[in-house]
Amino acid sequence: MTGLRVFVVDDEEPARRKLVRLLADDGGCLLVGEAASGEEAVHRIAAARPDLLFLDVQMKRMNGLDVARALDPASPPRIVFVTAYDEYALEAFDVHAFDYLLKPFDRTRFARVLADIRRTMSQE
């Protein structure tokens, strides 16, 4: 599968930049949007229609779990939660997370997530 459409949500710019850089290095992803808040994300995700969403959990006002719950249930993107807090993992999988990246993560772990997503989507 090529051209995986990806959207990145994180309220910390350095974290967003890292994800964007790793996606660019992968070469098989198309960044279709970014957001720095949950509220912004909900509106922009609906318009961008990504295949995959890298979503921070801990954000002000509207956290990543709230964002996941606000997505269109008819056509939700795959969600990989990206956070420094492991205590949200069970709740993340309750809102149908595909995976959970615990910060700080390395390039190998990130590449494995993308490979798993591609494999799953190619089997559908």
PDB file of N, CA and C in Angstrom:
ATOM      1  N   MET A   1       0.849  -1.179   0.000  1.00  0.00           N
ATOM      2  CA  MET A   1       0.000   0.000   0.000  1.00  0.00           C
ATOM      3  C   MET A   1       0.891   1.238   0.000  1.00  0.00           C
ATOM      4  N   THR A   2       0.589   2.189  -0.846  1.00  0.00           N
ATOM      5  CA  THR A   2       1.342   3.439  -0.885  1.00  0.00           C
ATOM      6  C   THR A   2       0.397   4.591  -0.604  1.00  0.00           C
ATOM      7  N   GLY A   3       0.981   5.715  -0.259  1.00  0.00           N
ATOM      8  CA  GLY A   3       0.171   6.914  -0.066  1.00  0.00           C
ATOM      9  C   GLY A   3      -0.728   6.883   1.140  1.00  0.00           C
ATOM     10  N   LEU A   4      -0.253   6.351   2.241  1.00  0.00           N
ATOM     11  CA  LEU A   4      -1.015   6.337   3.478  1.00  0.00           C
ATOM     12  C   LEU A   4      -1.262   7.782   3.917  1.00  0.00           C
ATOM     13  N   ARG A   5      -2.520   8.165   4.005  1.00  0.00           N
ATOM     14  CA  ARG A   5      -2.898   9.541   4.354  1.00  0.00           C
ATOM     15  C   ARG A   5      -2.896   9.681   5.879  1.00  0.00           C
ATOM     16  N   VAL A   6      -2.042  10.592   6.380  1.00  0.00           N
ATOM     17  CA  VAL A   6      -1.804  10.680   7.821  1.00  0.00           C
ATOM     18  C   VAL A   6      -2.070  12.090   8.334  1.00  0.00           C
ATOM     19  N   PHE A   7      -2.654  12.155   9.531  1.00  0.00           N
ATOM     20  CA  PHE A   7      -2.925  13.414  10.227  1.00  0.00           C
ATOM     21  C   PHE A   7      -2.256  13.312  11.598  1.00  0.00           C
ATOM     22  N   VAL A   8      -1.615  14.393  12.043  1.00  0.00           N
ATOM     23  CA  VAL A   8      -0.871  14.409  13.306  1.00  0.00           C
ATOM     24  C   VAL A   8      -1.487  15.443  14.253  1.00  0.00           C
ATOM     25  N   VAL A   9      -1.771  15.023  15.491  1.00  0.00           N
ATOM     26  CA  VAL A   9      -2.328  15.922  16.504  1.00  0.00           C
ATOM     27  C   VAL A   9      -1.480  15.842  17.768  1.00  0.00           C
ATOM     28  N   ASP A  10      -0.889  16.974  18.130  1.00  0.00           N
ATOM     29  CA  ASP A  10      -0.139  17.061  19.380  1.00  0.00           C
ATOM     30  C   ASP A  10      -0.031  18.531  19.743  1.00  0.00           C
ATOM     31  N   ASP A  11      -0.265  18.864  21.000  1.00  0.00           N
ATOM     32  CA  ASP A  11      -0.203  20.271  21.401  1.00  0.00           C
ATOM     33  C   ASP A  11       1.230  20.752  21.620  1.00  0.00           C
ATOM     34  N   GLU A  12       2.195  19.854  21.577  1.00  0.00           N
ATOM     35  CA  GLU A  12       3.601  20.234  21.716  1.00  0.00           C
ATOM     36  C   GLU A  12       4.261  20.211  20.341  1.00  0.00           C
ATOM     37  N   GLU A  13       4.702  21.383  19.892  1.00  0.00           N
ATOM     38  CA  GLU A  13       5.295  21.484  18.559  1.00  0.00           C
ATOM     39  C   GLU A  13       6.473  20.543  18.331  1.00  0.00           C
ATOM     40  N   PRO A  14       7.415  20.401  19.278  1.00  0.00           N
ATOM     41  CA  PRO A  14       8.526  19.466  19.024  1.00  0.00           C
ATOM     42  C   PRO A  14       8.044  18.029  18.773  1.00  0.00           C
ATOM     43  N   ALA A  15       7.020  17.611  19.470  1.00  0.00           N
ATOM     44  CA  ALA A  15       6.476  16.270  19.270  1.00  0.00           C
ATOM     45  C   ALA A  15       5.845  16.137  17.883  1.00  0.00           C
ATOM     46  N   ARG A  16       5.117  17.169  17.454  1.00  0.00           N
ATOM     47  CA  ARG A  16       4.535  17.155  16.102  1.00  0.00           C
ATOM     48  C   ARG A  16       5.634  17.108  15.049  1.00  0.00           C
ATOM     49  N   ARG A  17       6.670  17.921  15.235  1.00  0.00           N
ATOM     50  CA  ARG A  17       7.776  17.966  14.262  1.00  0.00           C
ATOM     51  C   ARG A  17       8.450  16.598  14.140  1.00  0.00           C
ATOM     52  N   LYS A  18       8.633  15.914  15.275  1.00  0.00           N
ATOM     53  CA  LYS A  18       9.258  14.589  15.241  1.00  0.00           C
ATOM     54  C   LYS A  18       8.413  13.624  14.420  1.00  0.00           C
ATOM     55  N   LEU A  19       7.115  13.614  14.665  1.00  0.00           N
ATOM     56  CA  LEU A  19       6.236  12.721  13.906  1.00  0.00           C
ATOM     57  C   LEU A  19       6.247  13.063  12.422  1.00  0.00           C
ATOM     58  N   VAL A  20       6.181  14.337  12.102  1.00  0.00           N
ATOM     59  CA  VAL A  20       6.189  14.767  10.702  1.00  0.00           C
ATOM     60  C   VAL A  20       7.501  14.351  10.037  1.00  0.00           C
ATOM     61  N   ARG A  21       8.609  14.507  10.730  1.00  0.00           N
ATOM     62  CA  ARG A  21       9.919  14.127  10.195  1.00  0.00           C
ATOM     63  C   ARG A  21       9.990  12.613   9.955  1.00  0.00           C
ATOM     64  N   LEU A  22       9.512  11.827  10.893  1.00  0.00           N
ATOM     65  CA  LEU A  22       9.521  10.373  10.729  1.00  0.00           C
ATOM     66  C   LEU A  22       8.621   9.941   9.573  1.00  0.00           C
ATOM     67  N   LEU A  23       7.494  10.607   9.419  1.00  0.00           N
ATOM     68  CA  LEU A  23       6.602  10.300   8.290  1.00  0.00           C
ATOM     69  C   LEU A  23       7.269  10.636   6.962  1.00  0.00           C
ATOM     70  N   ALA A  24       7.945  11.769   6.900  1.00  0.00           N
ATOM     71  CA  ALA A  24       8.646  12.170   5.674  1.00  0.00           C
ATOM     72  C   ALA A  24       9.759  11.172   5.352  1.00  0.00           C
ATOM     73  N   ASP A  25      10.475  10.725   6.362  1.00  0.00           N
ATOM     74  CA  ASP A  25      11.552   9.756   6.159  1.00  0.00           C
ATOM     75  C   ASP A  25      11.018   8.428   5.640  1.00  0.00           C
ATOM     76  N   ASP A  26       9.798   8.080   6.030  1.00  0.00           N
ATOM     77  CA  ASP A  26       9.190   6.829   5.594  1.00  0.00           C
ATOM     78  C   ASP A  26       8.973   6.826   4.084  1.00  0.00           C
ATOM     79  N   GLY A  27       8.571   7.946   3.526  1.00  0.00           N
ATOM     80  CA  GLY A  27       8.390   8.056   2.092  1.00  0.00           C
ATOM     81  C   GLY A  27       7.086   7.508   1.545  1.00  0.00           C
ATOM     82  N   GLY A  28       6.375   6.715   2.309  1.00  0.00           N
ATOM     83  CA  GLY A  28       5.128   6.136   1.828  1.00  0.00           C
ATOM     84  C   GLY A  28       3.905   6.763   2.455  1.00  0.00           C
ATOM     85  N   CYS A  29       4.088   7.914   3.076  1.00  0.00           N
ATOM     86  CA  CYS A  29       2.988   8.582   3.763  1.00  0.00           C
ATOM     87  C   CYS A  29       2.767   9.968   3.179  1.00  0.00           C
ATOM     88  N   LEU A  30       1.539  10.380   3.172  1.00  0.00           N
ATOM     89  CA  LEU A  30       1.172  11.723   2.747  1.00  0.00           C
ATOM     90  C   LEU A  30       0.580  12.434   3.955  1.00  0.00           C
ATOM     91  N   LEU A  31       1.247  13.462   4.429  1.00  0.00           N
ATOM     92  CA  LEU A  31       0.735  14.238   5.557  1.00  0.00           C
ATOM     93  C   LEU A  31      -0.415  15.097   5.043  1.00  0.00           C
ATOM     94  N   VAL A  32      -1.632  14.835   5.537  1.00  0.00           N
ATOM     95  CA  VAL A  32      -2.808  15.574   5.073  1.00  0.00           C
ATOM     96  C   VAL A  32      -3.261  16.630   6.070  1.00  0.00           C
ATOM     97  N   GLY A  33      -2.573  16.718   7.211  1.00  0.00           N
ATOM     98  CA  GLY A  33      -2.918  17.764   8.160  1.00  0.00           C
ATOM     99  C   GLY A  33      -2.259  17.589   9.502  1.00  0.00           C
ATOM    100  N   GLU A  34      -2.285  18.707  10.237  1.00  0.00           N
ATOM    101  CA  GLU A  34      -1.766  18.756  11.604  1.00  0.00           C
ATOM    102  C   GLU A  34      -2.704  19.625  12.428  1.00  0.00           C
ATOM    103  N   ALA A  35      -2.722  19.373  13.719  1.00  0.00           N
ATOM    104  CA  ALA A  35      -3.481  20.214  14.635  1.00  0.00           C
ATOM    105  C   ALA A  35      -2.748  20.270  15.965  1.00  0.00           C
ATOM    106  N   ALA A  36      -2.898  21.426  16.640  1.00  0.00           N
ATOM    107  CA  ALA A  36      -2.233  21.646  17.924  1.00  0.00           C
ATOM    108  C   ALA A  36      -3.207  21.576  19.097  1.00  0.00           C
ATOM    109  N   SER A  37      -4.470  21.270  18.818  1.00  0.00           N
ATOM    110  CA  SER A  37      -5.453  21.139  19.894  1.00  0.00           C
ATOM    111  C   SER A  37      -6.522  20.136  19.474  1.00  0.00           C
ATOM    112  N   GLY A  38      -7.215  19.627  20.469  1.00  0.00           N
ATOM    113  CA  GLY A  38      -8.289  18.685  20.186  1.00  0.00           C
ATOM    114  C   GLY A  38      -9.418  19.301  19.381  1.00  0.00           C
ATOM    115  N   GLU A  39      -9.797  20.517  19.740  1.00  0.00           N
ATOM    116  CA  GLU A  39     -10.893  21.197  19.044  1.00  0.00           C
ATOM    117  C   GLU A  39     -10.553  21.399  17.571  1.00  0.00           C
ATOM    118  N   GLU A  40      -9.363  21.877  17.321  1.00  0.00           N
ATOM    119  CA  GLU A  40      -8.905  22.093  15.944  1.00  0.00           C
ATOM    120  C   GLU A  40      -8.875  20.761  15.196  1.00  0.00           C
ATOM    121  N   ALA A  41      -8.419  19.730  15.856  1.00  0.00           N
ATOM    122  CA  ALA A  41      -8.287  18.416  15.231  1.00  0.00           C
ATOM    123  C   ALA A  41      -9.617  17.878  14.737  1.00  0.00           C
ATOM    124  N   VAL A  42     -10.639  17.939  15.553  1.00  0.00           N
ATOM    125  CA  VAL A  42     -11.937  17.371  15.177  1.00  0.00           C
ATOM    126  C   VAL A  42     -12.430  17.964  13.858  1.00  0.00           C
ATOM    127  N   HIS A  43     -12.332  19.264  13.714  1.00  0.00           N
ATOM    128  CA  HIS A  43     -12.813  19.915  12.487  1.00  0.00           C
ATOM    129  C   HIS A  43     -11.931  19.601  11.286  1.00  0.00           C
ATOM    130  N   ARG A  44     -10.628  19.606  11.492  1.00  0.00           N
ATOM    131  CA  ARG A  44      -9.704  19.398  10.375  1.00  0.00           C
ATOM    132  C   ARG A  44      -9.646  17.928   9.940  1.00  0.00           C
ATOM    133  N   ILE A  45      -9.810  16.999  10.866  1.00  0.00           N
ATOM    134  CA  ILE A  45      -9.790  15.579  10.518  1.00  0.00           C
ATOM    135  C   ILE A  45     -10.974  15.242   9.623  1.00  0.00           C
ATOM    136  N   ALA A  46     -12.130  15.783   9.941  1.00  0.00           N
ATOM    137  CA  ALA A  46     -13.315  15.516   9.122  1.00  0.00           C
ATOM    138  C   ALA A  46     -13.097  15.946   7.674  1.00  0.00           C
ATOM    139  N   ALA A  47     -12.432  17.063   7.479  1.00  0.00           N
ATOM    140  CA  ALA A  47     -12.181  17.565   6.125  1.00  0.00           C
ATOM    141  C   ALA A  47     -11.051  16.799   5.430  1.00  0.00           C
ATOM    142  N   ALA A  48     -10.036  16.401   6.180  1.00  0.00           N
ATOM    143  CA  ALA A  48      -8.852  15.762   5.586  1.00  0.00           C
ATOM    144  C   ALA A  48      -9.067  14.286   5.252  1.00  0.00           C
ATOM    145  N   ARG A  49      -9.940  13.625   5.996  1.00  0.00           N
ATOM    146  CA  ARG A  49     -10.244  12.209   5.794  1.00  0.00           C
ATOM    147  C   ARG A  49      -8.991  11.324   5.750  1.00  0.00           C
ATOM    148  N   PRO A  50      -8.194  11.348   6.821  1.00  0.00           N
ATOM    149  CA  PRO A  50      -6.968  10.534   6.831  1.00  0.00           C
ATOM    150  C   PRO A  50      -7.264   9.048   7.020  1.00  0.00           C
ATOM    151  N   ASP A  51      -6.296   8.239   6.615  1.00  0.00           N
ATOM    152  CA  ASP A  51      -6.344   6.797   6.886  1.00  0.00           C
ATOM    153  C   ASP A  51      -5.857   6.521   8.297  1.00  0.00           C
ATOM    154  N   LEU A  52      -4.938   7.385   8.747  1.00  0.00           N
ATOM    155  CA  LEU A  52      -4.243   7.166  10.013  1.00  0.00           C
ATOM    156  C   LEU A  52      -4.109   8.472  10.778  1.00  0.00           C
ATOM    157  N   LEU A  53      -4.308   8.386  12.064  1.00  0.00           N
ATOM    158  CA  LEU A  53      -4.227   9.546  12.943  1.00  0.00           C
ATOM    159  C   LEU A  53      -3.243   9.243  14.067  1.00  0.00           C
ATOM    160  N   PHE A  54      -2.175  10.052  14.166  1.00  0.00           N
ATOM    161  CA  PHE A  54      -1.291  10.012  15.322  1.00  0.00           C
ATOM    162  C   PHE A  54      -1.820  11.056  16.284  1.00  0.00           C
ATOM    163  N   LEU A  55      -2.258  10.624  17.461  1.00  0.00           N
ATOM    164  CA  LEU A  55      -3.032  11.474  18.353  1.00  0.00           C
ATOM    165  C   LEU A  55      -2.467  11.473  19.768  1.00  0.00           C
ATOM    166  N   ASP A  56      -2.063  12.646  20.221  1.00  0.00           N
ATOM    167  CA  ASP A  56      -1.601  12.815  21.599  1.00  0.00           C
ATOM    168  C   ASP A  56      -2.797  12.638  22.533  1.00  0.00           C
ATOM    169  N   VAL A  57      -2.566  12.084  23.696  1.00  0.00           N
ATOM    170  CA  VAL A  57      -3.651  11.914  24.663  1.00  0.00           C
ATOM    171  C   VAL A  57      -3.810  13.167  25.520  1.00  0.00           C
ATOM    172  N   GLN A  58      -2.730  13.606  26.110  1.00  0.00           N
ATOM    173  CA  GLN A  58      -2.771  14.682  27.108  1.00  0.00           C
ATOM    174  C   GLN A  58      -2.701  16.054  26.426  1.00  0.00           C
ATOM    175  N   MET A  59      -3.863  16.681  26.246  1.00  0.00           N
ATOM    176  CA  MET A  59      -3.932  18.033  25.686  1.00  0.00           C
ATOM    177  C   MET A  59      -4.922  18.833  26.517  1.00  0.00           C
ATOM    178  N   LYS A  60      -4.785  20.145  26.485  1.00  0.00           N
ATOM    179  CA  LYS A  60      -5.677  21.013  27.249  1.00  0.00           C
ATOM    180  C   LYS A  60      -7.082  20.980  26.658  1.00  0.00           C
ATOM    181  N   ARG A  61      -8.052  21.247  27.478  1.00  0.00           N
ATOM    182  CA  ARG A  61      -9.478  21.325  27.142  1.00  0.00           C
ATOM    183  C   ARG A  61     -10.036  20.028  26.565  1.00  0.00           C
ATOM    184  N   MET A  62      -9.649  19.651  25.374  1.00  0.00           N
ATOM    185  CA  MET A  62     -10.173  18.429  24.738  1.00  0.00           C
ATOM    186  C   MET A  62      -9.006  17.473  24.525  1.00  0.00           C
ATOM    187  N   ASN A  63      -8.983  16.379  25.284  1.00  0.00           N
ATOM    188  CA  ASN A  63      -7.859  15.460  25.157  1.00  0.00           C
ATOM    189  C   ASN A  63      -8.046  14.514  23.962  1.00  0.00           C
ATOM    190  N   GLY A  64      -7.030  13.714  23.697  1.00  0.00           N
ATOM    191  CA  GLY A  64      -7.066  12.825  22.548  1.00  0.00           C
ATOM    192  C   GLY A  64      -8.166  11.785  22.603  1.00  0.00           C
ATOM    193  N   LEU A  65      -8.497  11.320  23.794  1.00  0.00           N
ATOM    194  CA  LEU A  65      -9.595  10.354  23.923  1.00  0.00           C
ATOM    195  C   LEU A  65     -10.918  11.004  23.532  1.00  0.00           C
ATOM    196  N   ASP A  66     -11.102  12.272  23.914  1.00  0.00           N
ATOM    197  CA  ASP A  66     -12.306  13.015  23.514  1.00  0.00           C
ATOM    198  C   ASP A  66     -12.347  13.195  21.999  1.00  0.00           C
ATOM    199  N   VAL A  67     -11.192  13.473  21.403  1.00  0.00           N
ATOM    200  CA  VAL A  67     -11.120  13.612  19.945  1.00  0.00           C
ATOM    201  C   VAL A  67     -11.557  12.308  19.289  1.00  0.00           C
ATOM    202  N   ALA A  68     -11.027  11.194  19.757  1.00  0.00           N
ATOM    203  CA  ALA A  68     -11.380   9.894  19.176  1.00  0.00           C
ATOM    204  C   ALA A  68     -12.875   9.636  19.260  1.00  0.00           C
ATOM    205  N   ARG A  69     -13.475   9.984  20.382  1.00  0.00           N
ATOM    206  CA  ARG A  69     -14.924   9.785  20.550  1.00  0.00           C
ATOM    207  C   ARG A  69     -15.746  10.703  19.641  1.00  0.00           C
ATOM    208  N   ALA A  70     -15.175  11.851  19.250  1.00  0.00           N
ATOM    209  CA  ALA A  70     -15.898  12.828  18.429  1.00  0.00           C
ATOM    210  C   ALA A  70     -15.802  12.538  16.930  1.00  0.00           C
ATOM    211  N   LEU A  71     -14.977  11.581  16.538  1.00  0.00           N
ATOM    212  CA  LEU A  71     -14.827  11.274  15.114  1.00  0.00           C
ATOM    213  C   LEU A  71     -16.059  10.576  14.566  1.00  0.00           C
ATOM    214  N   ASP A  72     -16.261  10.715  13.278  1.00  0.00           N
ATOM    215  CA  ASP A  72     -17.391  10.077  12.599  1.00  0.00           C
ATOM    216  C   ASP A  72     -17.256   8.556  12.731  1.00  0.00           C
ATOM    217  N   PRO A  73     -18.176   7.893  13.421  1.00  0.00           N
ATOM    218  CA  PRO A  73     -18.045   6.448  13.620  1.00  0.00           C
ATOM    219  C   PRO A  73     -18.235   5.648  12.329  1.00  0.00           C
ATOM    220  N   ALA A  74     -18.793   6.265  11.303  1.00  0.00           N
ATOM    221  CA  ALA A  74     -19.010   5.566  10.037  1.00  0.00           C
ATOM    222  C   ALA A  74     -17.708   5.379   9.251  1.00  0.00           C
ATOM    223  N   SER A  75     -16.751   6.286   9.435  1.00  0.00           N
ATOM    224  CA  SER A  75     -15.496   6.166   8.686  1.00  0.00           C
ATOM    225  C   SER A  75     -14.315   6.718   9.491  1.00  0.00           C
ATOM    226  N   PRO A  76     -14.060   6.135  10.650  1.00  0.00           N
ATOM    227  CA  PRO A  76     -12.954   6.651  11.474  1.00  0.00           C
ATOM    228  C   PRO A  76     -11.604   6.227  10.912  1.00  0.00           C
ATOM    229  N   PRO A  77     -10.591   7.065  11.089  1.00  0.00           N
ATOM    230  CA  PRO A  77      -9.247   6.646  10.702  1.00  0.00           C
ATOM    231  C   PRO A  77      -8.696   5.668  11.733  1.00  0.00           C
ATOM    232  N   ARG A  78      -7.659   4.956  11.373  1.00  0.00           N
ATOM    233  CA  ARG A  78      -6.933   4.170  12.367  1.00  0.00           C
ATOM    234  C   ARG A  78      -6.274   5.178  13.308  1.00  0.00           C
ATOM    235  N   ILE A  79      -6.258   4.881  14.587  1.00  0.00           N
ATOM    236  CA  ILE A  79      -5.692   5.823  15.562  1.00  0.00           C
ATOM    237  C   ILE A  79      -4.518   5.176  16.286  1.00  0.00           C
ATOM    238  N   VAL A  80      -3.412   5.900  16.286  1.00  0.00           N
ATOM    239  CA  VAL A  80      -2.266   5.532  17.109  1.00  0.00           C
ATOM    240  C   VAL A  80      -2.116   6.646  18.129  1.00  0.00           C
ATOM    241  N   PHE A  81      -2.340   6.316  19.381  1.00  0.00           N
ATOM    242  CA  PHE A  81      -2.159   7.304  20.437  1.00  0.00           C
ATOM    243  C   PHE A  81      -0.670   7.438  20.741  1.00  0.00           C
ATOM    244  N   VAL A  82      -0.245   8.676  20.906  1.00  0.00           N
ATOM    245  CA  VAL A  82       1.159   8.982  21.163  1.00  0.00           C
ATOM    246  C   VAL A  82       1.197   9.805  22.440  1.00  0.00           C
ATOM    247  N   THR A  83       1.784   9.247  23.497  1.00  0.00           N
ATOM    248  CA  THR A  83       1.736   9.916  24.787  1.00  0.00           C
ATOM    249  C   THR A  83       2.862   9.462  25.701  1.00  0.00           C
ATOM    250  N   ALA A  84       3.148  10.259  26.679  1.00  0.00           N
ATOM    251  CA  ALA A  84       4.141   9.900  27.691  1.00  0.00           C
ATOM    252  C   ALA A  84       3.491   9.188  28.879  1.00  0.00           C
ATOM    253  N   TYR A  85       2.197   8.975  28.825  1.00  0.00           N
ATOM    254  CA  TYR A  85       1.452   8.437  29.966  1.00  0.00           C
ATOM    255  C   TYR A  85       0.881   7.064  29.647  1.00  0.00           C
ATOM    256  N   ASP A  86       1.390   6.037  30.294  1.00  0.00           N
ATOM    257  CA  ASP A  86       0.902   4.689  30.017  1.00  0.00           C
ATOM    258  C   ASP A  86      -0.451   4.399  30.654  1.00  0.00           C
ATOM    259  N   GLU A  87      -0.878   5.218  31.600  1.00  0.00           N
ATOM    260  CA  GLU A  87      -2.138   4.930  32.299  1.00  0.00           C
ATOM    261  C   GLU A  87      -3.383   5.101  31.427  1.00  0.00           C
ATOM    262  N   TYR A  88      -3.233   5.663  30.231  1.00  0.00           N
ATOM    263  CA  TYR A  88      -4.378   5.843  29.335  1.00  0.00           C
ATOM    264  C   TYR A  88      -4.537   4.696  28.337  1.00  0.00           C
ATOM    265  N   ALA A  89      -3.646   3.723  28.380  1.00  0.00           N
ATOM    266  CA  ALA A  89      -3.643   2.670  27.362  1.00  0.00           C
ATOM    267  C   ALA A  89      -4.961   1.900  27.294  1.00  0.00           C
ATOM    268  N   LEU A  90      -5.481   1.463  28.414  1.00  0.00           N
ATOM    269  CA  LEU A  90      -6.732   0.692  28.380  1.00  0.00           C
ATOM    270  C   LEU A  90      -7.880   1.510  27.818  1.00  0.00           C
ATOM    271  N   GLU A  91      -7.977   2.754  28.229  1.00  0.00           N
ATOM    272  CA  GLU A  91      -9.037   3.618  27.715  1.00  0.00           C
ATOM    273  C   GLU A  91      -8.847   3.885  26.225  1.00  0.00           C
ATOM    274  N   ALA A  92      -7.603   3.987  25.787  1.00  0.00           N
ATOM    275  CA  ALA A  92      -7.322   4.210  24.361  1.00  0.00           C
ATOM    276  C   ALA A  92      -7.832   3.034  23.535  1.00  0.00           C
ATOM    277  N   PHE A  93      -7.621   1.827  24.003  1.00  0.00           N
ATOM    278  CA  PHE A  93      -8.104   0.671  23.257  1.00  0.00           C
ATOM    279  C   PHE A  93      -9.619   0.546  23.333  1.00  0.00           C
ATOM    280  N   ASP A  94     -10.227   1.103  24.346  1.00  0.00           N
ATOM    281  CA  ASP A  94     -11.689   1.150  24.423  1.00  0.00           C
ATOM    282  C   ASP A  94     -12.290   2.031  23.331  1.00  0.00           C
ATOM    283  N   VAL A  95     -11.513   3.008  22.852  1.00  0.00           N
ATOM    284  CA  VAL A  95     -11.994   3.864  21.755  1.00  0.00           C
ATOM    285  C   VAL A  95     -11.349   3.421  20.440  1.00  0.00           C
ATOM    286  N   HIS A  96     -10.992   2.129  20.369  1.00  0.00           N
ATOM    287  CA  HIS A  96     -10.549   1.471  19.141  1.00  0.00           C
ATOM    288  C   HIS A  96      -9.187   1.933  18.628  1.00  0.00           C
ATOM    289  N   ALA A  97      -8.262   2.185  19.532  1.00  0.00           N
ATOM    290  CA  ALA A  97      -6.901   2.518  19.116  1.00  0.00           C
ATOM    291  C   ALA A  97      -6.312   1.345  18.349  1.00  0.00           C
ATOM    292  N   PHE A  98      -5.557   1.654  17.324  1.00  0.00           N
ATOM    293  CA  PHE A  98      -4.825   0.614  16.592  1.00  0.00           C
ATOM    294  C   PHE A  98      -3.552   0.265  17.360  1.00  0.00           C
ATOM    295  N   ASP A  99      -2.917   1.304  17.909  1.00  0.00           N
ATOM    296  CA  ASP A  99      -1.680   1.095  18.654  1.00  0.00           C
ATOM    297  C   ASP A  99      -1.490   2.255  19.627  1.00  0.00           C
ATOM    298  N   TYR A 100      -0.440   2.149  20.414  1.00  0.00           N
ATOM    299  CA  TYR A 100      -0.167   3.107  21.485  1.00  0.00           C
ATOM    300  C   TYR A 100       1.339   3.298  21.542  1.00  0.00           C
ATOM    301  N   LEU A 101       1.819   4.462  21.129  1.00  0.00           N
ATOM    302  CA  LEU A 101       3.247   4.766  21.178  1.00  0.00           C
ATOM    303  C   LEU A 101       3.540   5.533  22.452  1.00  0.00           C
ATOM    304  N   LEU A 102       4.388   4.980  23.269  1.00  0.00           N
ATOM    305  CA  LEU A 102       4.752   5.623  24.525  1.00  0.00           C
ATOM    306  C   LEU A 102       6.001   6.470  24.301  1.00  0.00           C
ATOM    307  N   LYS A 103       5.880   7.774  24.579  1.00  0.00           N
ATOM    308  CA  LYS A 103       7.016   8.690  24.429  1.00  0.00           C
ATOM    309  C   LYS A 103       8.017   8.446  25.554  1.00  0.00           C
ATOM    310  N   PRO A 104       9.290   8.513  25.298  1.00  0.00           N
ATOM    311  CA  PRO A 104       9.896   8.696  23.984  1.00  0.00           C
ATOM    312  C   PRO A 104       9.964   7.358  23.250  1.00  0.00           C
ATOM    313  N   PHE A 105       9.647   7.353  21.977  1.00  0.00           N
ATOM    314  CA  PHE A 105       9.726   6.151  21.157  1.00  0.00           C
ATOM    315  C   PHE A 105      10.843   6.356  20.138  1.00  0.00           C
ATOM    316  N   ASP A 106      11.318   5.259  19.579  1.00  0.00           N
ATOM    317  CA  ASP A 106      12.401   5.366  18.611  1.00  0.00           C
ATOM    318  C   ASP A 106      11.893   5.089  17.193  1.00  0.00           C
ATOM    319  N   ARG A 107      12.776   5.282  16.232  1.00  0.00           N
ATOM    320  CA  ARG A 107      12.459   5.115  14.817  1.00  0.00           C
ATOM    321  C   ARG A 107      11.996   3.680  14.513  1.00  0.00           C
ATOM    322  N   THR A 108      12.597   2.708  15.177  1.00  0.00           N
ATOM    323  CA  THR A 108      12.244   1.303  14.943  1.00  0.00           C
ATOM    324  C   THR A 108      10.813   1.018  15.363  1.00  0.00           C
ATOM    325  N   ARG A 109      10.439   1.484  16.530  1.00  0.00           N
ATOM    326  CA  ARG A 109       9.059   1.283  17.021  1.00  0.00           C
ATOM    327  C   ARG A 109       8.063   1.980  16.109  1.00  0.00           C
ATOM    328  N   PHE A 110       8.396   3.197  15.669  1.00  0.00           N
ATOM    329  CA  PHE A 110       7.527   3.954  14.767  1.00  0.00           C
ATOM    330  C   PHE A 110       7.351   3.199  13.444  1.00  0.00           C
ATOM    331  N   ALA A 111       8.441   2.707  12.887  1.00  0.00           N
ATOM    332  CA  ALA A 111       8.383   1.967  11.622  1.00  0.00           C
ATOM    333  C   ALA A 111       7.544   0.700  11.759  1.00  0.00           C
ATOM    334  N   ARG A 112       7.621   0.052  12.912  1.00  0.00           N
ATOM    335  CA  ARG A 112       6.827  -1.157  13.139  1.00  0.00           C
ATOM    336  C   ARG A 112       5.332  -0.841  13.140  1.00  0.00           C
ATOM    337  N   VAL A 113       4.959   0.300  13.735  1.00  0.00           N
ATOM    338  CA  VAL A 113       3.547   0.712  13.736  1.00  0.00           C
ATOM    339  C   VAL A 113       3.059   0.922  12.306  1.00  0.00           C
ATOM    340  N   LEU A 114       3.848   1.633  11.500  1.00  0.00           N
ATOM    341  CA  LEU A 114       3.451   1.867  10.102  1.00  0.00           C
ATOM    342  C   LEU A 114       3.339   0.551   9.334  1.00  0.00           C
ATOM    343  N   ALA A 115       4.283  -0.353   9.551  1.00  0.00           N
ATOM    344  CA  ALA A 115       4.238  -1.649   8.872  1.00  0.00           C
ATOM    345  C   ALA A 115       2.996  -2.433   9.276  1.00  0.00           C
ATOM    346  N   ASP A 116       2.657  -2.414  10.549  1.00  0.00           N
ATOM    347  CA  ASP A 116       1.457  -3.116  11.026  1.00  0.00           C
ATOM    348  C   ASP A 116       0.191  -2.534  10.404  1.00  0.00           C
ATOM    349  N   ILE A 117       0.143  -1.222  10.305  1.00  0.00           N
ATOM    350  CA  ILE A 117      -1.030  -0.578   9.717  1.00  0.00           C
ATOM    351  C   ILE A 117      -1.150  -0.936   8.244  1.00  0.00           C
ATOM    352  N   ARG A 118      -0.047  -0.858   7.542  1.00  0.00           N
ATOM    353  CA  ARG A 118      -0.066  -1.202   6.108  1.00  0.00           C
ATOM    354  C   ARG A 118      -0.498  -2.653   5.902  1.00  0.00           C
ATOM    355  N   ARG A 119       0.033  -3.552   6.707  1.00  0.00           N
ATOM    356  CA  ARG A 119      -0.321  -4.966   6.587  1.00  0.00           C
ATOM    357  C   ARG A 119      -1.822  -5.159   6.841  1.00  0.00           C
ATOM    358  N   THR A 120      -2.331  -4.539   7.875  1.00  0.00           N
ATOM    359  CA  THR A 120      -3.751  -4.660   8.198  1.00  0.00           C
ATOM    360  C   THR A 120      -4.624  -4.104   7.081  1.00  0.00           C
ATOM    361  N   MET A 121      -4.265  -2.928   6.579  1.00  0.00           N
ATOM    362  CA  MET A 121      -5.079  -2.307   5.532  1.00  0.00           C
ATOM    363  C   MET A 121      -5.005  -3.090   4.216  1.00  0.00           C
ATOM    364  N   SER A 122      -3.885  -3.715   3.930  1.00  0.00           N
ATOM    365  CA  SER A 122      -3.775  -4.491   2.683  1.00  0.00           C
ATOM    366  C   SER A 122      -4.595  -5.775   2.742  1.00  0.00           C
ATOM    367  N   GLN A 123      -4.935  -6.224   3.931  1.00  0.00           N
ATOM    368  CA  GLN A 123      -5.727  -7.429   4.098  1.00  0.00           C
ATOM    369  C   GLN A 123      -7.228  -7.177   4.090  1.00  0.00           C
ATOM    370  N   GLU A 124      -7.613  -5.913   4.036  1.00  0.00           N
ATOM    371  CA  GLU A 124      -9.042  -5.573   4.062  1.00  0.00           C
ATOM    372  C   GLU A 124      -9.647  -5.614   2.678  1.00  0.00           C
TER     373      GLU A 124
END
